[in-house]
Amino acid sequence: MNILVTIIQVLLETLSIYLFVLFVRVLLSWFPNLDWGNPVLSTVSSITDPYLNAFRGLIPPMGGLDLSALLAFFAIYAMQWALNQAMYFALSAGQPFYS
């Protein structure tokens, strides 16, 4: 059971880091004059764009705004919620339930 909890904790931490990188990517997209050839920006873009592209086909841009990032954030939050629930159940397995 401890290995399962550890795996879930690693996944949660990985999702938190990815969420931060995704947030940075979305903020950087507001600056059109950035040089995306820069190695740091290129790396951020190459890490996040495949994930964002999966949602760009679902929500078309409205008024020049790309709202697909909202759905991408929501999907990560939903994964984090599900993993937290799984960790709760893994930690409480074998514990008596009292009403």
PDB file of N, CA and C in Angstrom:
ATOM      1  N   MET A   1       0.825  -1.190   0.000  1.00  0.00           N
ATOM      2  CA  MET A   1       0.000   0.000   0.000  1.00  0.00           C
ATOM      3  C   MET A   1       0.872   1.257   0.000  1.00  0.00           C
ATOM      4  N   ASN A   2       2.016   1.224   0.660  1.00  0.00           N
ATOM      5  CA  ASN A   2       2.885   2.396   0.696  1.00  0.00           C
ATOM      6  C   ASN A   2       3.416   2.750  -0.681  1.00  0.00           C
ATOM      7  N   ILE A   3       3.664   1.748  -1.512  1.00  0.00           N
ATOM      8  CA  ILE A   3       4.168   2.018  -2.859  1.00  0.00           C
ATOM      9  C   ILE A   3       3.088   2.719  -3.681  1.00  0.00           C
ATOM     10  N   LEU A   4       1.842   2.290  -3.530  1.00  0.00           N
ATOM     11  CA  LEU A   4       0.747   2.928  -4.251  1.00  0.00           C
ATOM     12  C   LEU A   4       0.615   4.394  -3.851  1.00  0.00           C
ATOM     13  N   VAL A   5       0.702   4.666  -2.570  1.00  0.00           N
ATOM     14  CA  VAL A   5       0.606   6.049  -2.088  1.00  0.00           C
ATOM     15  C   VAL A   5       1.773   6.868  -2.617  1.00  0.00           C
ATOM     16  N   THR A   6       2.968   6.287  -2.627  1.00  0.00           N
ATOM     17  CA  THR A   6       4.144   6.995  -3.143  1.00  0.00           C
ATOM     18  C   THR A   6       3.992   7.311  -4.620  1.00  0.00           C
ATOM     19  N   ILE A   7       3.489   6.357  -5.389  1.00  0.00           N
ATOM     20  CA  ILE A   7       3.279   6.580  -6.824  1.00  0.00           C
ATOM     21  C   ILE A   7       2.263   7.691  -7.044  1.00  0.00           C
ATOM     22  N   ILE A   8       1.195   7.676  -6.274  1.00  0.00           N
ATOM     23  CA  ILE A   8       0.174   8.717  -6.404  1.00  0.00           C
ATOM     24  C   ILE A   8       0.757  10.083  -6.029  1.00  0.00           C
ATOM     25  N   GLN A   9       1.574  10.132  -4.986  1.00  0.00           N
ATOM     26  CA  GLN A   9       2.193  11.397  -4.589  1.00  0.00           C
ATOM     27  C   GLN A   9       3.132  11.928  -5.670  1.00  0.00           C
ATOM     28  N   VAL A  10       3.888  11.029  -6.299  1.00  0.00           N
ATOM     29  CA  VAL A  10       4.778  11.453  -7.384  1.00  0.00           C
ATOM     30  C   VAL A  10       3.955  11.976  -8.555  1.00  0.00           C
ATOM     31  N   LEU A  11       2.868  11.301  -8.894  1.00  0.00           N
ATOM     32  CA  LEU A  11       2.006  11.770  -9.984  1.00  0.00           C
ATOM     33  C   LEU A  11       1.392  13.129  -9.658  1.00  0.00           C
ATOM     34  N   LEU A  12       0.962  13.310  -8.431  1.00  0.00           N
ATOM     35  CA  LEU A  12       0.390  14.602  -8.032  1.00  0.00           C
ATOM     36  C   LEU A  12       1.422  15.716  -8.116  1.00  0.00           C
ATOM     37  N   GLU A  13       2.641  15.442  -7.673  1.00  0.00           N
ATOM     38  CA  GLU A  13       3.687  16.456  -7.748  1.00  0.00           C
ATOM     39  C   GLU A  13       4.052  16.768  -9.194  1.00  0.00           C
ATOM     40  N   THR A  14       4.100  15.742 -10.028  1.00  0.00           N
ATOM     41  CA  THR A  14       4.388  15.944 -11.447  1.00  0.00           C
ATOM     42  C   THR A  14       3.303  16.799 -12.106  1.00  0.00           C
ATOM     43  N   LEU A  15       2.050  16.515 -11.785  1.00  0.00           N
ATOM     44  CA  LEU A  15       0.959  17.323 -12.331  1.00  0.00           C
ATOM     45  C   LEU A  15       1.039  18.762 -11.841  1.00  0.00           C
ATOM     46  N   SER A  16       1.433  18.972 -10.599  1.00  0.00           N
ATOM     47  CA  SER A  16       1.567  20.336 -10.077  1.00  0.00           C
ATOM     48  C   SER A  16       2.656  21.103 -10.818  1.00  0.00           C
ATOM     49  N   ILE A  17       3.771  20.448 -11.065  1.00  0.00           N
ATOM     50  CA  ILE A  17       4.860  21.094 -11.806  1.00  0.00           C
ATOM     51  C   ILE A  17       4.413  21.395 -13.232  1.00  0.00           C
ATOM     52  N   TYR A  18       3.741  20.430 -13.858  1.00  0.00           N
ATOM     53  CA  TYR A  18       3.277  20.636 -15.232  1.00  0.00           C
ATOM     54  C   TYR A  18       2.242  21.759 -15.283  1.00  0.00           C
ATOM     55  N   LEU A  19       1.399  21.835 -14.276  1.00  0.00           N
ATOM     56  CA  LEU A  19       0.410  22.913 -14.206  1.00  0.00           C
ATOM     57  C   LEU A  19       1.093  24.267 -14.145  1.00  0.00           C
ATOM     58  N   PHE A  20       2.172  24.367 -13.383  1.00  0.00           N
ATOM     59  CA  PHE A  20       2.925  25.610 -13.303  1.00  0.00           C
ATOM     60  C   PHE A  20       3.543  25.965 -14.660  1.00  0.00           C
ATOM     61  N   VAL A  21       4.164  24.986 -15.325  1.00  0.00           N
ATOM     62  CA  VAL A  21       4.775  25.230 -16.638  1.00  0.00           C
ATOM     63  C   VAL A  21       3.699  25.632 -17.647  1.00  0.00           C
ATOM     64  N   LEU A  22       2.550  24.988 -17.578  1.00  0.00           N
ATOM     65  CA  LEU A  22       1.443  25.332 -18.473  1.00  0.00           C
ATOM     66  C   LEU A  22       0.960  26.753 -18.218  1.00  0.00           C
ATOM     67  N   PHE A  23       0.886  27.140 -16.947  1.00  0.00           N
ATOM     68  CA  PHE A  23       0.479  28.500 -16.597  1.00  0.00           C
ATOM     69  C   PHE A  23       1.473  29.515 -17.153  1.00  0.00           C
ATOM     70  N   VAL A  24       2.759  29.232 -17.019  1.00  0.00           N
ATOM     71  CA  VAL A  24       3.791  30.113 -17.576  1.00  0.00           C
ATOM     72  C   VAL A  24       3.630  30.215 -19.085  1.00  0.00           C
ATOM     73  N   ARG A  25       3.366  29.087 -19.745  1.00  0.00           N
ATOM     74  CA  ARG A  25       3.193  29.078 -21.210  1.00  0.00           C
ATOM     75  C   ARG A  25       2.011  29.946 -21.630  1.00  0.00           C
ATOM     76  N   VAL A  26       0.922  29.845 -20.901  1.00  0.00           N
ATOM     77  CA  VAL A  26      -0.258  30.651 -21.235  1.00  0.00           C
ATOM     78  C   VAL A  26       0.037  32.133 -21.018  1.00  0.00           C
ATOM     79  N   LEU A  27       0.717  32.465 -19.933  1.00  0.00           N
ATOM     80  CA  LEU A  27       1.072  33.871 -19.706  1.00  0.00           C
ATOM     81  C   LEU A  27       2.014  34.391 -20.790  1.00  0.00           C
ATOM     82  N   LEU A  28       2.981  33.568 -21.203  1.00  0.00           N
ATOM     83  CA  LEU A  28       3.916  33.996 -22.249  1.00  0.00           C
ATOM     84  C   LEU A  28       3.227  34.186 -23.596  1.00  0.00           C
ATOM     85  N   SER A  29       2.120  33.501 -23.806  1.00  0.00           N
ATOM     86  CA  SER A  29       1.413  33.649 -25.081  1.00  0.00           C
ATOM     87  C   SER A  29       0.794  35.034 -25.226  1.00  0.00           C
ATOM     88  N   TRP A  30       0.705  35.784 -24.160  1.00  0.00           N
ATOM     89  CA  TRP A  30       0.164  37.142 -24.217  1.00  0.00           C
ATOM     90  C   TRP A  30       1.166  38.139 -24.764  1.00  0.00           C
ATOM     91  N   PHE A  31       2.414  37.719 -24.917  1.00  0.00           N
ATOM     92  CA  PHE A  31       3.458  38.597 -25.430  1.00  0.00           C
ATOM     93  C   PHE A  31       3.861  38.132 -26.827  1.00  0.00           C
ATOM     94  N   PRO A  32       3.274  38.725 -27.867  1.00  0.00           N
ATOM     95  CA  PRO A  32       3.495  38.228 -29.227  1.00  0.00           C
ATOM     96  C   PRO A  32       4.907  38.454 -29.762  1.00  0.00           C
ATOM     97  N   ASN A  33       5.665  39.335 -29.170  1.00  0.00           N
ATOM     98  CA  ASN A  33       6.996  39.648 -29.696  1.00  0.00           C
ATOM     99  C   ASN A  33       8.105  38.788 -29.102  1.00  0.00           C
ATOM    100  N   LEU A  34       7.754  37.775 -28.330  1.00  0.00           N
ATOM    101  CA  LEU A  34       8.776  36.913 -27.747  1.00  0.00           C
ATOM    102  C   LEU A  34       9.446  36.077 -28.830  1.00  0.00           C
ATOM    103  N   ASP A  35      10.727  35.815 -28.640  1.00  0.00           N
ATOM    104  CA  ASP A  35      11.494  34.980 -29.569  1.00  0.00           C
ATOM    105  C   ASP A  35      11.360  33.532 -29.121  1.00  0.00           C
ATOM    106  N   TRP A  36      10.471  32.777 -29.780  1.00  0.00           N
ATOM    107  CA  TRP A  36      10.236  31.387 -29.407  1.00  0.00           C
ATOM    108  C   TRP A  36      11.382  30.481 -29.852  1.00  0.00           C
ATOM    109  N   GLY A  37      12.391  31.052 -30.508  1.00  0.00           N
ATOM    110  CA  GLY A  37      13.594  30.308 -30.848  1.00  0.00           C
ATOM    111  C   GLY A  37      14.545  30.207 -29.668  1.00  0.00           C
ATOM    112  N   ASN A  38      14.307  31.015 -28.637  1.00  0.00           N
ATOM    113  CA  ASN A  38      15.093  30.956 -27.410  1.00  0.00           C
ATOM    114  C   ASN A  38      14.974  29.539 -26.841  1.00  0.00           C
ATOM    115  N   PRO A  39      16.104  28.932 -26.421  1.00  0.00           N
ATOM    116  CA  PRO A  39      16.048  27.543 -25.939  1.00  0.00           C
ATOM    117  C   PRO A  39      15.090  27.319 -24.764  1.00  0.00           C
ATOM    118  N   VAL A  40      15.006  28.278 -23.844  1.00  0.00           N
ATOM    119  CA  VAL A  40      14.107  28.113 -22.699  1.00  0.00           C
ATOM    120  C   VAL A  40      12.650  28.170 -23.158  1.00  0.00           C
ATOM    121  N   LEU A  41      12.312  29.176 -23.962  1.00  0.00           N
ATOM    122  CA  LEU A  41      10.942  29.297 -24.453  1.00  0.00           C
ATOM    123  C   LEU A  41      10.581  28.149 -25.374  1.00  0.00           C
ATOM    124  N   SER A  42      11.530  27.707 -26.173  1.00  0.00           N
ATOM    125  CA  SER A  42      11.297  26.583 -27.068  1.00  0.00           C
ATOM    126  C   SER A  42      11.012  25.311 -26.276  1.00  0.00           C
ATOM    127  N   THR A  43      11.729  25.126 -25.175  1.00  0.00           N
ATOM    128  CA  THR A  43      11.501  23.951 -24.333  1.00  0.00           C
ATOM    129  C   THR A  43      10.125  23.998 -23.690  1.00  0.00           C
ATOM    130  N   VAL A  44       9.757  25.160 -23.155  1.00  0.00           N
ATOM    131  CA  VAL A  44       8.431  25.317 -22.546  1.00  0.00           C
ATOM    132  C   VAL A  44       7.352  25.037 -23.590  1.00  0.00           C
ATOM    133  N   SER A  45       7.540  25.563 -24.775  1.00  0.00           N
ATOM    134  CA  SER A  45       6.574  25.359 -25.845  1.00  0.00           C
ATOM    135  C   SER A  45       6.486  23.886 -26.259  1.00  0.00           C
ATOM    136  N   SER A  46       7.627  23.230 -26.371  1.00  0.00           N
ATOM    137  CA  SER A  46       7.609  21.831 -26.807  1.00  0.00           C
ATOM    138  C   SER A  46       7.016  20.904 -25.747  1.00  0.00           C
ATOM    139  N   ILE A  47       7.070  21.308 -24.478  1.00  0.00           N
ATOM    140  CA  ILE A  47       6.486  20.501 -23.407  1.00  0.00           C
ATOM    141  C   ILE A  47       4.974  20.686 -23.334  1.00  0.00           C
ATOM    142  N   THR A  48       4.502  21.898 -23.563  1.00  0.00           N
ATOM    143  CA  THR A  48       3.091  22.202 -23.328  1.00  0.00           C
ATOM    144  C   THR A  48       2.223  22.187 -24.584  1.00  0.00           C
ATOM    145  N   ASP A  49       2.788  22.500 -25.736  1.00  0.00           N
ATOM    146  CA  ASP A  49       1.958  22.612 -26.938  1.00  0.00           C
ATOM    147  C   ASP A  49       1.246  21.321 -27.350  1.00  0.00           C
ATOM    148  N   PRO A  50       1.873  20.152 -27.261  1.00  0.00           N
ATOM    149  CA  PRO A  50       1.107  18.944 -27.621  1.00  0.00           C
ATOM    150  C   PRO A  50      -0.128  18.752 -26.748  1.00  0.00           C
ATOM    151  N   TYR A  51      -0.014  19.043 -25.465  1.00  0.00           N
ATOM    152  CA  TYR A  51      -1.166  18.931 -24.566  1.00  0.00           C
ATOM    153  C   TYR A  51      -2.226  19.975 -24.919  1.00  0.00           C
ATOM    154  N   LEU A  52      -1.807  21.212 -25.145  1.00  0.00           N
ATOM    155  CA  LEU A  52      -2.761  22.259 -25.492  1.00  0.00           C
ATOM    156  C   LEU A  52      -3.416  22.000 -26.838  1.00  0.00           C
ATOM    157  N   ASN A  53      -2.664  21.447 -27.784  1.00  0.00           N
ATOM    158  CA  ASN A  53      -3.231  21.167 -29.111  1.00  0.00           C
ATOM    159  C   ASN A  53      -4.367  20.153 -29.039  1.00  0.00           C
ATOM    160  N   ALA A  54      -4.326  19.274 -28.068  1.00  0.00           N
ATOM    161  CA  ALA A  54      -5.412  18.302 -27.906  1.00  0.00           C
ATOM    162  C   ALA A  54      -6.733  18.991 -27.587  1.00  0.00           C
ATOM    163  N   PHE A  55      -6.673  20.149 -26.957  1.00  0.00           N
ATOM    164  CA  PHE A  55      -7.889  20.867 -26.575  1.00  0.00           C
ATOM    165  C   PHE A  55      -8.259  21.966 -27.573  1.00  0.00           C
ATOM    166  N   ARG A  56      -7.327  22.371 -28.404  1.00  0.00           N
ATOM    167  CA  ARG A  56      -7.609  23.450 -29.359  1.00  0.00           C
ATOM    168  C   ARG A  56      -8.652  23.051 -30.382  1.00  0.00           C
ATOM    169  N   GLY A  57      -8.753  21.781 -30.680  1.00  0.00           N
ATOM    170  CA  GLY A  57      -9.771  21.330 -31.620  1.00  0.00           C
ATOM    171  C   GLY A  57     -11.151  21.249 -30.998  1.00  0.00           C
ATOM    172  N   LEU A  58     -11.221  21.227 -29.670  1.00  0.00           N
ATOM    173  CA  LEU A  58     -12.505  21.100 -28.990  1.00  0.00           C
ATOM    174  C   LEU A  58     -13.210  22.438 -28.797  1.00  0.00           C
ATOM    175  N   ILE A  59     -12.437  23.472 -28.529  1.00  0.00           N
ATOM    176  CA  ILE A  59     -13.010  24.801 -28.299  1.00  0.00           C
ATOM    177  C   ILE A  59     -12.400  25.757 -29.314  1.00  0.00           C
ATOM    178  N   PRO A  60     -13.191  26.230 -30.262  1.00  0.00           N
ATOM    179  CA  PRO A  60     -12.639  27.177 -31.238  1.00  0.00           C
ATOM    180  C   PRO A  60     -12.375  28.529 -30.583  1.00  0.00           C
ATOM    181  N   PRO A  61     -11.408  29.283 -31.096  1.00  0.00           N
ATOM    182  CA  PRO A  61     -11.143  30.619 -30.546  1.00  0.00           C
ATOM    183  C   PRO A  61     -12.367  31.518 -30.657  1.00  0.00           C
ATOM    184  N   MET A  62     -12.628  32.288 -29.613  1.00  0.00           N
ATOM    185  CA  MET A  62     -13.766  33.201 -29.601  1.00  0.00           C
ATOM    186  C   MET A  62     -13.254  34.622 -29.486  1.00  0.00           C
ATOM    187  N   GLY A  63     -13.497  35.407 -30.473  1.00  0.00           N
ATOM    188  CA  GLY A  63     -13.076  36.804 -30.446  1.00  0.00           C
ATOM    189  C   GLY A  63     -11.569  36.958 -30.356  1.00  0.00           C
ATOM    190  N   GLY A  64     -10.834  36.046 -30.951  1.00  0.00           N
ATOM    191  CA  GLY A  64      -9.381  36.114 -30.915  1.00  0.00           C
ATOM    192  C   GLY A  64      -8.757  35.512 -29.664  1.00  0.00           C
ATOM    193  N   LEU A  65      -9.592  35.045 -28.736  1.00  0.00           N
ATOM    194  CA  LEU A  65      -9.081  34.432 -27.511  1.00  0.00           C
ATOM    195  C   LEU A  65      -9.135  32.910 -27.617  1.00  0.00           C
ATOM    196  N   ASP A  66      -8.038  32.272 -27.260  1.00  0.00           N
ATOM    197  CA  ASP A  66      -7.968  30.824 -27.268  1.00  0.00           C
ATOM    198  C   ASP A  66      -8.354  30.317 -25.877  1.00  0.00           C
ATOM    199  N   LEU A  67      -9.586  29.838 -25.751  1.00  0.00           N
ATOM    200  CA  LEU A  67     -10.100  29.406 -24.462  1.00  0.00           C
ATOM    201  C   LEU A  67      -9.824  27.935 -24.180  1.00  0.00           C
ATOM    202  N   SER A  68      -9.121  27.271 -25.077  1.00  0.00           N
ATOM    203  CA  SER A  68      -8.844  25.854 -24.877  1.00  0.00           C
ATOM    204  C   SER A  68      -7.957  25.618 -23.656  1.00  0.00           C
ATOM    205  N   ALA A  69      -7.173  26.607 -23.267  1.00  0.00           N
ATOM    206  CA  ALA A  69      -6.316  26.464 -22.084  1.00  0.00           C
ATOM    207  C   ALA A  69      -7.155  26.262 -20.824  1.00  0.00           C
ATOM    208  N   LEU A  70      -8.340  26.872 -20.781  1.00  0.00           N
ATOM    209  CA  LEU A  70      -9.214  26.674 -19.618  1.00  0.00           C
ATOM    210  C   LEU A  70      -9.609  25.212 -19.474  1.00  0.00           C
ATOM    211  N   LEU A  71      -9.942  24.588 -20.589  1.00  0.00           N
ATOM    212  CA  LEU A  71     -10.294  23.175 -20.561  1.00  0.00           C
ATOM    213  C   LEU A  71      -9.084  22.323 -20.197  1.00  0.00           C
ATOM    214  N   ALA A  72      -7.916  22.718 -20.656  1.00  0.00           N
ATOM    215  CA  ALA A  72      -6.683  21.997 -20.329  1.00  0.00           C
ATOM    216  C   ALA A  72      -6.397  22.081 -18.826  1.00  0.00           C
ATOM    217  N   PHE A  73      -6.577  23.253 -18.235  1.00  0.00           N
ATOM    218  CA  PHE A  73      -6.386  23.404 -16.791  1.00  0.00           C
ATOM    219  C   PHE A  73      -7.413  22.565 -16.026  1.00  0.00           C
ATOM    220  N   PHE A  74      -8.644  22.608 -16.476  1.00  0.00           N
ATOM    221  CA  PHE A  74      -9.699  21.839 -15.817  1.00  0.00           C
ATOM    222  C   PHE A  74      -9.389  20.349 -15.852  1.00  0.00           C
ATOM    223  N   ALA A  75      -8.869  19.851 -16.965  1.00  0.00           N
ATOM    224  CA  ALA A  75      -8.538  18.425 -17.079  1.00  0.00           C
ATOM    225  C   ALA A  75      -7.453  18.038 -16.074  1.00  0.00           C
ATOM    226  N   ILE A  76      -6.463  18.893 -15.893  1.00  0.00           N
ATOM    227  CA  ILE A  76      -5.401  18.595 -14.921  1.00  0.00           C
ATOM    228  C   ILE A  76      -5.960  18.625 -13.507  1.00  0.00           C
ATOM    229  N   TYR A  77      -6.812  19.613 -13.221  1.00  0.00           N
ATOM    230  CA  TYR A  77      -7.415  19.670 -11.888  1.00  0.00           C
ATOM    231  C   TYR A  77      -8.272  18.429 -11.627  1.00  0.00           C
ATOM    232  N   ALA A  78      -8.978  17.951 -12.644  1.00  0.00           N
ATOM    233  CA  ALA A  78      -9.789  16.744 -12.491  1.00  0.00           C
ATOM    234  C   ALA A  78      -8.899  15.526 -12.227  1.00  0.00           C
ATOM    235  N   MET A  79      -7.756  15.441 -12.904  1.00  0.00           N
ATOM    236  CA  MET A  79      -6.826  14.342 -12.654  1.00  0.00           C
ATOM    237  C   MET A  79      -6.274  14.421 -11.229  1.00  0.00           C
ATOM    238  N   GLN A  80      -5.948  15.618 -10.783  1.00  0.00           N
ATOM    239  CA  GLN A  80      -5.441  15.777  -9.422  1.00  0.00           C
ATOM    240  C   GLN A  80      -6.502  15.379  -8.394  1.00  0.00           C
ATOM    241  N   TRP A  81      -7.735  15.762  -8.645  1.00  0.00           N
ATOM    242  CA  TRP A  81      -8.824  15.393  -7.732  1.00  0.00           C
ATOM    243  C   TRP A  81      -8.979  13.877  -7.672  1.00  0.00           C
ATOM    244  N   ALA A  82      -8.968  13.223  -8.837  1.00  0.00           N
ATOM    245  CA  ALA A  82      -9.118  11.771  -8.877  1.00  0.00           C
ATOM    246  C   ALA A  82      -7.957  11.076  -8.157  1.00  0.00           C
ATOM    247  N   LEU A  83      -6.747  11.582  -8.344  1.00  0.00           N
ATOM    248  CA  LEU A  83      -5.591  10.993  -7.667  1.00  0.00           C
ATOM    249  C   LEU A  83      -5.655  11.213  -6.156  1.00  0.00           C
ATOM    250  N   ASN A  84      -6.126  12.375  -5.737  1.00  0.00           N
ATOM    251  CA  ASN A  84      -6.300  12.623  -4.301  1.00  0.00           C
ATOM    252  C   ASN A  84      -7.323  11.671  -3.697  1.00  0.00           C
ATOM    253  N   GLN A  85      -8.404  11.416  -4.434  1.00  0.00           N
ATOM    254  CA  GLN A  85      -9.412  10.469  -3.961  1.00  0.00           C
ATOM    255  C   GLN A  85      -8.828   9.065  -3.871  1.00  0.00           C
ATOM    256  N   ALA A  86      -8.044   8.681  -4.875  1.00  0.00           N
ATOM    257  CA  ALA A  86      -7.414   7.366  -4.871  1.00  0.00           C
ATOM    258  C   ALA A  86      -6.450   7.234  -3.693  1.00  0.00           C
ATOM    259  N   MET A  87      -5.707   8.287  -3.401  1.00  0.00           N
ATOM    260  CA  MET A  87      -4.779   8.247  -2.275  1.00  0.00           C
ATOM    261  C   MET A  87      -5.538   8.144  -0.959  1.00  0.00           C
ATOM    262  N   TYR A  88      -6.637   8.855  -0.854  1.00  0.00           N
ATOM    263  CA  TYR A  88      -7.451   8.776   0.356  1.00  0.00           C
ATOM    264  C   TYR A  88      -7.937   7.353   0.580  1.00  0.00           C
ATOM    265  N   PHE A  89      -8.449   6.720  -0.482  1.00  0.00           N
ATOM    266  CA  PHE A  89      -8.947   5.358  -0.350  1.00  0.00           C
ATOM    267  C   PHE A  89      -7.819   4.368  -0.091  1.00  0.00           C
ATOM    268  N   ALA A  90      -6.648   4.609  -0.673  1.00  0.00           N
ATOM    269  CA  ALA A  90      -5.503   3.727  -0.426  1.00  0.00           C
ATOM    270  C   ALA A  90      -5.040   3.846   1.019  1.00  0.00           C
ATOM    271  N   LEU A  91      -5.070   5.054   1.554  1.00  0.00           N
ATOM    272  CA  LEU A  91      -4.644   5.248   2.941  1.00  0.00           C
ATOM    273  C   LEU A  91      -5.668   4.715   3.937  1.00  0.00           C
ATOM    274  N   SER A  92      -6.930   4.747   3.563  1.00  0.00           N
ATOM    275  CA  SER A  92      -7.961   4.307   4.494  1.00  0.00           C
ATOM    276  C   SER A  92      -8.326   2.840   4.294  1.00  0.00           C
ATOM    277  N   ALA A  93      -7.679   2.140   3.374  1.00  0.00           N
ATOM    278  CA  ALA A  93      -7.968   0.721   3.148  1.00  0.00           C
ATOM    279  C   ALA A  93      -7.627  -0.070   4.407  1.00  0.00           C
ATOM    280  N   GLY A  94      -8.535  -0.918   4.794  1.00  0.00           N
ATOM    281  CA  GLY A  94      -8.313  -1.728   5.981  1.00  0.00           C
ATOM    282  C   GLY A  94      -8.716  -1.049   7.267  1.00  0.00           C
ATOM    283  N   GLN A  95      -9.083   0.212   7.178  1.00  0.00           N
ATOM    284  CA  GLN A  95      -9.520   0.934   8.374  1.00  0.00           C
ATOM    285  C   GLN A  95     -11.017   0.666   8.581  1.00  0.00           C
ATOM    286  N   PRO A  96     -11.436   0.465   9.799  1.00  0.00           N
ATOM    287  CA  PRO A  96     -12.862   0.250  10.013  1.00  0.00           C
ATOM    288  C   PRO A  96     -13.654   1.523   9.753  1.00  0.00           C
ATOM    289  N   PHE A  97     -14.828   1.347   9.222  1.00  0.00           N
ATOM    290  CA  PHE A  97     -15.692   2.488   8.932  1.00  0.00           C
ATOM    291  C   PHE A  97     -16.759   2.556  10.020  1.00  0.00           C
ATOM    292  N   TYR A  98     -16.776   3.654  10.718  1.00  0.00           N
ATOM    293  CA  TYR A  98     -17.772   3.857  11.762  1.00  0.00           C
ATOM    294  C   TYR A  98     -18.700   4.976  11.343  1.00  0.00           C
ATOM    295  N   SER A  99     -19.967   4.745  11.539  1.00  0.00           N
ATOM    296  CA  SER A  99     -20.921   5.794  11.178  1.00  0.00           C
ATOM    297  C   SER A  99     -21.350   6.586  12.378  1.00  0.00           C
TER     298      SER A  99
END
